[in-house]
């Protein structure tokens, strides 16, 4: 969710490390502190309550982002890929309309995509 919210607020650099920490005695330090605190607060507010204390005392938004990424993200996690595939197989339309059914499937597919990329080379793949 924060991947959507932060760029819309013009603060993407706090996640991509393009916004460097300003030295305490440098001009603009106060502005940097305010913006960094806002971003840090956004990220903390999206967390489950039991996780907040793990990240609350980190000094900067960048530290929060890196800690969360280090702790939870593993793009090659085979067990998670298996779990997502099982979830996709269990989804049925049931009494739901087609749009709802497709939305549920699409959400699982979108989660699977970055974990299981298909590397294609257009001219070679078209021949197959």
Protein backbone atom coordinates (compact mmCIF):
# COMPACT_ATOMS: atom_id res chain seq x y z
CA UNK A 1 0.00 0.00 0.00
CA UNK A 2 2.83 2.38 0.82
CA UNK A 3 4.32 1.74 -2.62
CA UNK A 4 1.29 3.58 -3.97
CA UNK A 5 0.91 6.29 -1.35
CA UNK A 6 4.49 7.52 -1.01
CA UNK A 7 5.13 8.37 -4.70
CA UNK A 8 1.78 10.18 -4.90
CA UNK A 9 2.97 12.45 -2.12
CA UNK A 10 6.23 13.18 -3.95
CA UNK A 11 8.28 11.29 -1.36
CA UNK A 12 9.46 8.29 -3.38
CA UNK A 13 13.09 9.20 -2.69
CA UNK A 14 12.71 8.14 0.94
CA UNK A 15 12.13 4.60 -0.22
CA UNK A 16 14.63 4.54 -3.08
CA UNK A 17 17.36 6.26 -1.02
CA UNK A 18 17.48 9.28 -3.35
CA UNK A 19 16.79 11.54 -0.37
CA UNK A 20 19.91 11.53 1.74
CA UNK A 21 19.88 12.37 5.42
CA UNK A 22 20.81 16.01 6.02
CA UNK A 23 23.51 16.77 8.59
CA UNK A 24 22.23 18.22 11.85
CA UNK A 25 23.99 21.56 11.42
CA UNK A 26 23.18 21.92 7.70
CA UNK A 27 20.44 24.16 6.35
CA UNK A 28 17.29 22.19 5.61
CA UNK A 29 17.80 19.76 8.49
CA UNK A 30 14.48 20.70 10.12
CA UNK A 31 12.56 20.26 6.85
CA UNK A 32 14.23 16.91 6.28
CA UNK A 33 13.34 15.78 9.83
CA UNK A 34 9.69 16.71 9.35
CA UNK A 35 9.40 14.91 6.01
CA UNK A 36 11.28 11.87 7.27
CA UNK A 37 8.99 11.67 10.31
CA UNK A 38 5.91 11.90 8.09
CA UNK A 39 7.11 9.03 5.91
CA UNK A 40 8.11 6.95 8.93
CA UNK A 41 4.69 7.56 10.49
CA UNK A 42 2.93 6.47 7.26
CA UNK A 43 4.87 3.21 7.20
CA UNK A 44 4.35 2.52 10.91
CA UNK A 45 0.60 3.22 10.62
CA UNK A 46 0.21 0.50 7.97
CA UNK A 47 1.69 -2.18 10.22
CA UNK A 48 -0.11 -4.65 12.41
CA UNK A 49 -0.09 -3.48 16.03
CA UNK A 50 2.15 -6.31 17.22
CA UNK A 51 4.83 -5.32 14.69
CA UNK A 52 4.98 -1.60 15.44
CA UNK A 53 7.38 -1.88 18.37
CA UNK A 54 9.91 -3.73 16.20
CA UNK A 55 10.32 -0.69 13.95
CA UNK A 56 9.17 2.30 15.98
CA UNK A 57 12.55 3.11 17.52
CA UNK A 58 14.48 3.09 14.26
CA UNK A 59 15.90 6.56 13.61
CA UNK A 60 14.81 7.22 10.01
CA UNK A 61 12.17 6.22 7.47
CA UNK A 62 14.95 4.66 5.38
CA UNK A 63 15.92 2.46 8.33
CA UNK A 64 12.29 1.36 8.75
CA UNK A 65 11.97 0.54 5.04
CA UNK A 66 15.24 -1.41 4.95
CA UNK A 67 14.42 -3.35 8.14
CA UNK A 68 10.99 -4.35 6.89
CA UNK A 69 12.40 -5.33 3.49
CA UNK A 70 15.21 -7.33 5.08
CA UNK A 71 12.89 -9.07 7.52
CA UNK A 72 10.00 -9.95 5.23
CA UNK A 73 10.86 -9.85 1.55
CA UNK A 74 12.19 -12.91 -0.21
CA UNK A 75 11.30 -12.94 -3.89
CA UNK A 76 12.50 -16.51 -4.30
CA UNK A 77 10.50 -17.93 -1.39
CA UNK A 78 9.29 -21.24 -2.86
CA UNK A 79 6.90 -22.01 -0.01
CA UNK A 80 5.15 -18.67 -0.52
CA UNK A 81 4.90 -19.32 -4.27
CA UNK A 82 3.35 -22.72 -3.52
CA UNK A 83 0.92 -21.12 -1.06
CA UNK A 84 -0.16 -18.53 -3.66
CA UNK A 85 -0.66 -21.20 -6.31
CA UNK A 86 -2.80 -23.23 -3.91
CA UNK A 87 -4.85 -20.14 -3.09
CA UNK A 88 -5.41 -19.47 -6.80
CA UNK A 89 -6.54 -23.07 -7.31
CA UNK A 90 -9.03 -22.84 -4.42
CA UNK A 91 -10.72 -19.68 -5.69
CA UNK A 92 -14.11 -20.46 -7.17
CA UNK A 93 -16.73 -18.20 -8.62
CA UNK A 94 -19.47 -19.67 -6.44
CA UNK A 95 -22.32 -17.18 -6.16
CA UNK A 96 -20.10 -14.18 -6.93
CA UNK A 97 -20.31 -12.18 -10.12
CA UNK A 98 -17.59 -12.57 -12.74
CA UNK A 99 -15.94 -9.27 -11.85
CA UNK A 100 -15.46 -10.25 -8.19
CA UNK A 101 -14.21 -13.69 -9.17
CA UNK A 102 -11.69 -12.24 -11.63
CA UNK A 103 -10.55 -9.62 -9.08
CA UNK A 104 -9.74 -12.34 -6.54
CA UNK A 105 -7.76 -14.33 -9.08
CA UNK A 106 -6.00 -11.23 -10.38
CA UNK A 107 -4.85 -10.24 -6.88
CA UNK A 108 -3.16 -13.63 -6.44
CA UNK A 109 -1.61 -13.45 -9.92
CA UNK A 110 -0.25 -9.97 -9.20
CA UNK A 111 1.36 -11.27 -6.03
CA UNK A 112 2.86 -14.21 -7.91
CA UNK A 113 4.29 -12.19 -10.81
CA UNK A 114 7.33 -10.65 -9.09
CA UNK A 115 8.13 -13.94 -7.34
CA UNK A 116 8.05 -16.09 -10.43
CA UNK A 117 9.11 -14.01 -13.43
CA UNK A 118 8.88 -15.39 -16.93
CA UNK A 119 11.94 -14.34 -18.87
CA UNK A 120 11.10 -14.11 -22.54
CA UNK A 121 13.14 -13.09 -25.55
CA UNK A 122 10.58 -11.92 -28.09
CA UNK A 123 12.09 -13.15 -31.39
CA UNK A 124 13.05 -16.54 -29.93
CA UNK A 125 9.78 -17.04 -28.04
CA UNK A 126 7.61 -16.11 -31.02
CA UNK A 127 9.23 -18.91 -33.04
CA UNK A 128 8.20 -21.45 -30.39
